[in-house]
Amino acid sequence: MSEQHQARKRFGQNFLSDPNIIRKIIDAIRPQPGERMVEIGPGLGAMTEPLMARLGHLNVVEIDRDLIARLKAAHAPDVLTVHEGDALKFDFASIVPDGAPLRVVGNLPYNISTPILFHLADYADKVKDMTFMLQKEVVMRMVAEPGTEEYGRLSVMLQYRFNMGRLFDVPPGAFRPAPKVMSSIVRMVPRPLAECTATDYGVLGRVVTAAFGQRRKTLRNTLRDFLNEDDFAALEIDPGLRGERLGVADFVRIANYVVMRSALTEEISHFSNENLV
């Protein structure tokens, strides 16, 4: 593909151009012939072409109409399927109607990287693994451990569903135009469903969001809409701690406790109302 394309800030475009880095990323992905894979934001095809060469066929999701036209002109449909549109709204399950494991890769735009990660988490049960290039700061938050400055909502919600590892860094000079930040490659492998024990994922999300909503405040304050002093005692969690001191399993315990208590309250209320009739 011709590289005469003006990068667009509204799409967060920074095109990978260093052949050594490209080779290193492809080797880290280890694409195998016949695997079902989708690349998010193929851009000028720096990773697209070597991926196709190893896979035989590749799916890509692209929003830029100019790049879509270039991709379609450069590659036949039997080796490249171009899905036109926003990755944030794309149904990734549509690529695997037969239930085959899906592999997801891409150089994710910095400006929408977090929403895309949460969107992709909804398809974790259909995914074999995901390998992304992201802003290093975001990757450090994704893989952060409890008690560190980077640990927060993103860490907990992604680590609940994925095992993750930071592979290596990519310097700004590997892109055109060069971003002002360092990038990193991260691999995400879905955890077995048996290990994902939250009774209600939505409640888990609300608890975690509240816990990190005001990082300087203690759990006694941030979770006051969910837990009282007796609840903290029952959970054996110190209400004087801050959210970053709790591990993923602790948040799951809290969320499951909240769901259980709510169900018990409803049962008692229903029983009392029946007796009043």
Protein backbone atom coordinates (compact mmCIF):
# COMPACT_ATOMS: atom_id res chain seq x y z
CA MET A 1 0.00 0.00 0.00
CA SER A 2 1.11 3.53 -0.74
CA GLU A 3 2.07 5.45 2.37
CA GLN A 4 0.87 8.81 0.99
CA HIS A 5 -1.82 9.32 3.61
CA GLN A 6 -2.22 12.20 6.04
CA ALA A 7 -2.61 10.86 9.58
CA ARG A 8 -5.85 12.09 11.13
CA LYS A 9 -5.84 13.26 14.74
CA ARG A 10 -9.56 12.56 15.21
CA PHE A 11 -8.87 8.87 14.62
CA GLY A 12 -5.71 8.92 16.76
CA GLN A 13 -3.61 7.72 13.83
CA ASN A 14 0.09 6.99 14.30
CA PHE A 15 1.33 4.53 11.69
CA LEU A 16 3.90 1.90 12.61
CA SER A 17 6.82 2.12 10.20
CA ASP A 18 9.90 0.46 11.78
CA PRO A 19 10.40 -2.93 10.04
CA ASN A 20 12.36 -4.37 12.97
CA ILE A 21 9.59 -3.51 15.44
CA ILE A 22 6.96 -4.84 13.04
CA ARG A 23 8.84 -8.14 12.76
CA LYS A 24 9.17 -8.35 16.54
CA ILE A 25 5.44 -7.80 17.04
CA ILE A 26 4.48 -10.41 14.44
CA ASP A 27 6.84 -12.91 16.05
CA ALA A 28 5.23 -12.18 19.43
CA ILE A 29 1.75 -12.76 18.00
CA ARG A 30 2.84 -16.03 16.33
CA PRO A 31 0.01 -16.23 13.77
CA GLN A 32 -0.61 -19.74 12.43
CA PRO A 33 -2.19 -20.73 9.09
CA GLY A 34 -5.97 -21.01 9.27
CA GLU A 35 -6.41 -19.17 12.57
CA ARG A 36 -9.35 -16.75 12.83
CA MET A 37 -7.86 -13.32 13.49
CA VAL A 38 -9.08 -9.72 13.39
CA GLU A 39 -6.87 -6.64 13.35
CA ILE A 40 -8.28 -3.41 14.74
CA GLY A 41 -7.12 -0.29 12.90
CA PRO A 42 -4.90 -1.75 10.15
CA GLY A 43 -3.89 1.72 8.96
CA LEU A 44 -1.42 1.50 6.10
CA GLY A 45 -1.04 -2.26 6.51
CA ALA A 46 2.29 -2.45 8.35
CA MET A 47 1.11 -5.47 10.36
CA THR A 48 -1.71 -6.44 8.01
CA GLU A 49 0.47 -7.76 5.20
CA PRO A 50 2.79 -9.98 7.29
CA LEU A 51 -0.24 -11.28 9.20
CA MET A 52 -1.99 -12.22 5.96
CA ALA A 53 1.16 -13.90 4.71
CA ARG A 54 1.20 -16.23 7.71
CA LEU A 55 -2.54 -16.71 8.20
CA GLY A 56 -3.82 -16.99 4.66
CA HIS A 57 -6.82 -14.78 5.52
CA LEU A 58 -7.31 -11.84 7.87
CA ASN A 59 -10.25 -9.75 9.09
CA VAL A 60 -9.72 -6.05 9.77
CA VAL A 61 -11.91 -3.34 11.30
CA GLU A 62 -11.26 0.17 9.95
CA ILE A 63 -13.17 3.45 10.28
CA ASP A 64 -11.18 5.69 7.92
CA ARG A 65 -12.84 5.63 4.48
CA ASP A 66 -9.64 6.51 2.63
CA LEU A 67 -7.78 3.64 4.27
CA ILE A 68 -10.70 1.29 3.63
CA ALA A 69 -10.51 2.11 -0.09
CA ARG A 70 -6.74 1.54 -0.13
CA LEU A 71 -7.06 -1.80 1.68
CA LYS A 72 -9.75 -3.05 -0.69
CA ALA A 73 -7.80 -1.92 -3.74
CA ALA A 74 -4.59 -3.59 -2.53
CA HIS A 75 -5.95 -6.96 -1.37
CA ALA A 76 -8.46 -9.47 -2.70
CA PRO A 77 -11.46 -10.43 -0.52
CA ASP A 78 -10.27 -14.02 -0.26
CA VAL A 79 -7.21 -12.90 1.76
CA LEU A 80 -8.57 -9.78 3.46
CA THR A 81 -12.09 -9.08 4.75
CA VAL A 82 -12.55 -5.40 5.56
CA HIS A 83 -15.24 -4.57 8.14
CA GLU A 84 -16.09 -0.89 7.77
CA GLY A 85 -16.98 1.04 10.90
CA ASP A 86 -16.17 1.92 14.48
CA ALA A 87 -14.48 -0.83 16.51
CA LEU A 88 -16.34 0.47 19.58
CA LYS A 89 -19.61 -0.58 17.97
CA PHE A 90 -18.43 -3.63 16.07
CA ASP A 91 -19.88 -7.07 16.90
CA PHE A 92 -16.75 -9.21 17.11
CA ALA A 93 -18.88 -12.32 17.54
CA SER A 94 -19.99 -11.91 13.92
CA ILE A 95 -16.53 -13.05 12.80
CA VAL A 96 -16.89 -16.38 14.61
CA PRO A 97 -20.48 -17.57 14.03
CA ASP A 98 -19.21 -21.15 14.21
CA GLY A 99 -17.72 -20.60 17.65
CA ALA A 100 -14.10 -20.90 16.50
CA PRO A 101 -11.64 -19.15 18.85
CA LEU A 102 -10.89 -15.60 17.77
CA ARG A 103 -7.53 -13.87 18.03
CA VAL A 104 -7.55 -10.07 18.20
CA VAL A 105 -4.59 -7.78 17.47
CA GLY A 106 -4.02 -4.13 16.74
CA ASN A 107 -2.36 -0.80 17.30
CA LEU A 108 -5.17 0.76 19.32
CA PRO A 109 -5.78 4.53 19.06
CA TYR A 110 -4.62 6.22 22.24
CA ASN A 111 -7.70 8.45 22.46
CA ILE A 112 -10.20 5.58 22.74
CA SER A 113 -8.07 2.70 24.00
CA THR A 114 -9.85 2.21 27.34
CA PRO A 115 -13.40 2.09 25.88
CA ILE A 116 -12.24 -0.41 23.25
CA LEU A 117 -10.71 -2.65 25.92
CA PHE A 118 -13.97 -2.69 27.90
CA HIS A 119 -15.94 -3.37 24.71
CA LEU A 120 -13.69 -6.30 23.85
CA ALA A 121 -14.04 -7.72 27.35
CA ASP A 122 -17.67 -8.49 26.46
CA TYR A 123 -16.37 -11.03 23.92
CA ALA A 124 -13.84 -12.72 26.19
CA ASP A 125 -15.67 -16.06 26.03
CA LYS A 126 -15.13 -16.14 22.26
CA VAL A 127 -11.49 -15.04 22.27
CA LYS A 128 -8.30 -17.11 22.42
CA ASP A 129 -6.04 -14.12 23.05
CA MET A 130 -5.53 -10.44 22.28
CA THR A 131 -2.24 -8.68 21.54
CA PHE A 132 -2.27 -4.90 21.42
CA MET A 133 0.03 -1.95 21.14
CA LEU A 134 -1.07 0.80 23.49
CA GLN A 135 0.29 3.84 25.22
CA LYS A 136 2.73 2.54 27.83
CA GLU A 137 0.93 4.42 30.59
CA VAL A 138 -2.27 2.52 29.80
CA VAL A 139 -0.50 -0.84 29.70
CA MET A 140 1.11 -0.15 33.07
CA ARG A 141 -2.36 0.48 34.49
CA MET A 142 -3.67 -2.71 32.93
CA VAL A 143 -1.04 -4.95 34.51
CA ALA A 144 -0.60 -3.00 37.77
CA GLU A 145 -0.58 -4.80 41.11
CA PRO A 146 -2.51 -3.73 44.23
CA GLY A 147 -0.79 -1.05 46.26
CA THR A 148 0.86 0.64 43.28
CA GLU A 149 0.09 4.09 41.93
CA GLU A 150 -1.05 2.71 38.55
CA TYR A 151 -3.53 0.22 40.09
CA GLY A 152 -7.15 1.24 39.59
CA ARG A 153 -10.50 0.50 37.95
CA LEU A 154 -8.92 -0.55 34.63
CA SER A 155 -6.56 -2.94 36.44
CA VAL A 156 -9.30 -4.65 38.44
CA MET A 157 -11.91 -5.00 35.70
CA LEU A 158 -9.50 -6.34 33.10
CA GLN A 159 -7.56 -8.59 35.47
CA TYR A 160 -10.87 -10.07 36.61
CA ARG A 161 -11.45 -11.40 33.09
CA PHE A 162 -7.92 -11.73 31.64
CA ASN A 163 -4.43 -12.89 32.47
CA MET A 164 -2.18 -10.15 31.11
CA GLY A 165 1.47 -9.51 30.50
CA ARG A 166 3.48 -6.59 29.16
CA LEU A 167 5.80 -7.93 26.46
CA PHE A 168 8.05 -5.03 25.38
CA ASP A 169 8.13 -1.29 24.74
CA VAL A 170 7.98 0.49 21.38
CA PRO A 171 9.70 3.91 21.08
CA PRO A 172 8.01 6.94 19.45
CA GLY A 173 10.47 6.80 16.55
CA ALA A 174 8.88 3.56 15.32
CA PHE A 175 5.81 5.51 14.16
CA ARG A 176 4.92 8.06 11.55
CA PRO A 177 4.08 10.63 12.77
CA ALA A 178 5.95 10.00 16.01
CA PRO A 179 3.72 10.24 19.11
CA LYS A 180 4.92 12.07 22.20
CA VAL A 181 4.64 8.96 24.37
CA MET A 182 6.21 5.52 24.68
CA SER A 183 4.11 2.53 23.62
CA SER A 184 4.02 -1.04 24.91
CA ILE A 185 2.84 -4.41 23.65
CA VAL A 186 0.44 -6.26 25.95
CA ARG A 187 -1.02 -9.76 25.66
CA MET A 188 -4.42 -10.59 27.16
CA VAL A 189 -5.57 -14.19 27.59
CA PRO A 190 -9.13 -14.79 28.89
CA ARG A 191 -9.28 -16.52 32.24
CA PRO A 192 -11.37 -19.71 32.44
CA LEU A 193 -15.00 -18.92 33.22
CA ALA A 194 -14.76 -21.10 36.32
CA GLU A 195 -12.32 -18.53 37.76
CA CYS A 196 -14.65 -15.59 37.06
CA THR A 197 -16.87 -15.94 40.12
CA ALA A 198 -18.67 -12.59 40.33
CA THR A 199 -22.38 -13.23 40.80
CA ASP A 200 -23.27 -10.03 38.96
CA TYR A 201 -20.65 -8.41 36.71
CA GLY A 202 -22.59 -5.15 36.70
CA VAL A 203 -22.50 -4.91 40.49
CA LEU A 204 -18.78 -5.66 40.45
CA GLY A 205 -18.28 -2.80 38.02
CA ARG A 206 -20.26 -0.36 40.16
CA VAL A 207 -18.38 -1.34 43.32
CA VAL A 208 -14.98 -0.96 41.64
CA THR A 209 -15.93 2.36 40.05
CA ALA A 210 -17.05 3.71 43.43
CA ALA A 211 -13.91 2.46 45.20
CA PHE A 212 -11.63 4.35 42.82
CA GLY A 213 -13.89 7.35 42.24
CA GLN A 214 -12.09 9.34 44.91
CA ARG A 215 -8.71 7.73 45.36
CA ARG A 216 -7.71 9.72 48.44
CA LYS A 217 -10.76 8.59 50.40
CA THR A 218 -11.09 5.35 52.36
CA LEU A 219 -13.43 2.48 51.57
CA ARG A 220 -15.65 3.60 54.44
CA ASN A 221 -16.45 6.70 52.39
CA THR A 222 -16.24 5.47 48.81
CA LEU A 223 -18.35 2.34 49.44
CA ARG A 224 -20.84 3.87 51.88
CA ASP A 225 -23.67 3.25 49.40
CA PHE A 226 -22.83 -0.46 49.43
CA LEU A 227 -21.45 -1.37 52.85
CA ASN A 228 -21.82 -0.29 56.50
CA GLU A 229 -19.49 -1.01 59.40
CA ASP A 230 -21.11 -4.37 60.12
CA ASP A 231 -20.70 -5.37 56.50
CA PHE A 232 -16.99 -4.54 56.53
CA ALA A 233 -16.64 -6.63 59.70
CA ALA A 234 -18.47 -9.56 58.11
CA LEU A 235 -16.17 -9.34 55.09
CA GLU A 236 -13.10 -8.93 57.35
CA ILE A 237 -12.02 -5.88 55.34
CA ASP A 238 -10.59 -2.79 57.03
CA PRO A 239 -12.84 0.17 56.07
CA GLY A 240 -9.88 2.48 56.70
CA LEU A 241 -8.07 1.15 53.62
CA ARG A 242 -8.16 2.79 50.22
CA GLY A 243 -9.32 1.01 47.09
CA GLU A 244 -5.84 0.40 45.72
CA ARG A 245 -5.03 -1.85 48.69
CA LEU A 246 -7.62 -4.48 47.67
CA GLY A 247 -6.96 -7.27 45.19
CA VAL A 248 -9.33 -8.42 42.46
CA ALA A 249 -10.59 -11.28 44.65
CA ASP A 250 -11.46 -8.79 47.41
CA PHE A 251 -13.62 -6.75 45.06
CA VAL A 252 -15.35 -9.91 43.87
CA ARG A 253 -16.10 -10.86 47.50
CA ILE A 254 -17.54 -7.41 48.16
CA ALA A 255 -19.71 -7.47 45.04
CA ASN A 256 -21.01 -10.97 45.77
CA TYR A 257 -21.78 -9.95 49.36
CA VAL A 258 -23.75 -6.93 48.11
CA VAL A 259 -25.75 -9.13 45.72
CA MET A 260 -26.41 -11.75 48.41
CA ARG A 261 -27.51 -9.15 50.96
CA SER A 262 -29.78 -7.48 48.42
CA ALA A 263 -31.40 -10.80 47.55
CA LEU A 264 -31.86 -11.62 51.24
CA THR A 265 -33.44 -8.20 51.88
CA GLU A 266 -35.88 -8.71 49.02
CA GLU A 267 -36.76 -12.18 50.31
CA ILE A 268 -37.44 -10.86 53.81
CA SER A 269 -39.51 -8.00 52.41
CA HIS A 270 -41.52 -10.39 50.24
CA PHE A 271 -42.11 -12.71 53.22
CA SER A 272 -43.24 -9.81 55.41
CA ASN A 273 -45.65 -8.51 52.78
CA GLU A 274 -47.19 -11.97 52.37
CA ASN A 275 -47.83 -12.16 56.11
CA LEU A 276 -49.56 -8.80 56.04
CA VAL A 277 -52.08 -9.96 53.47
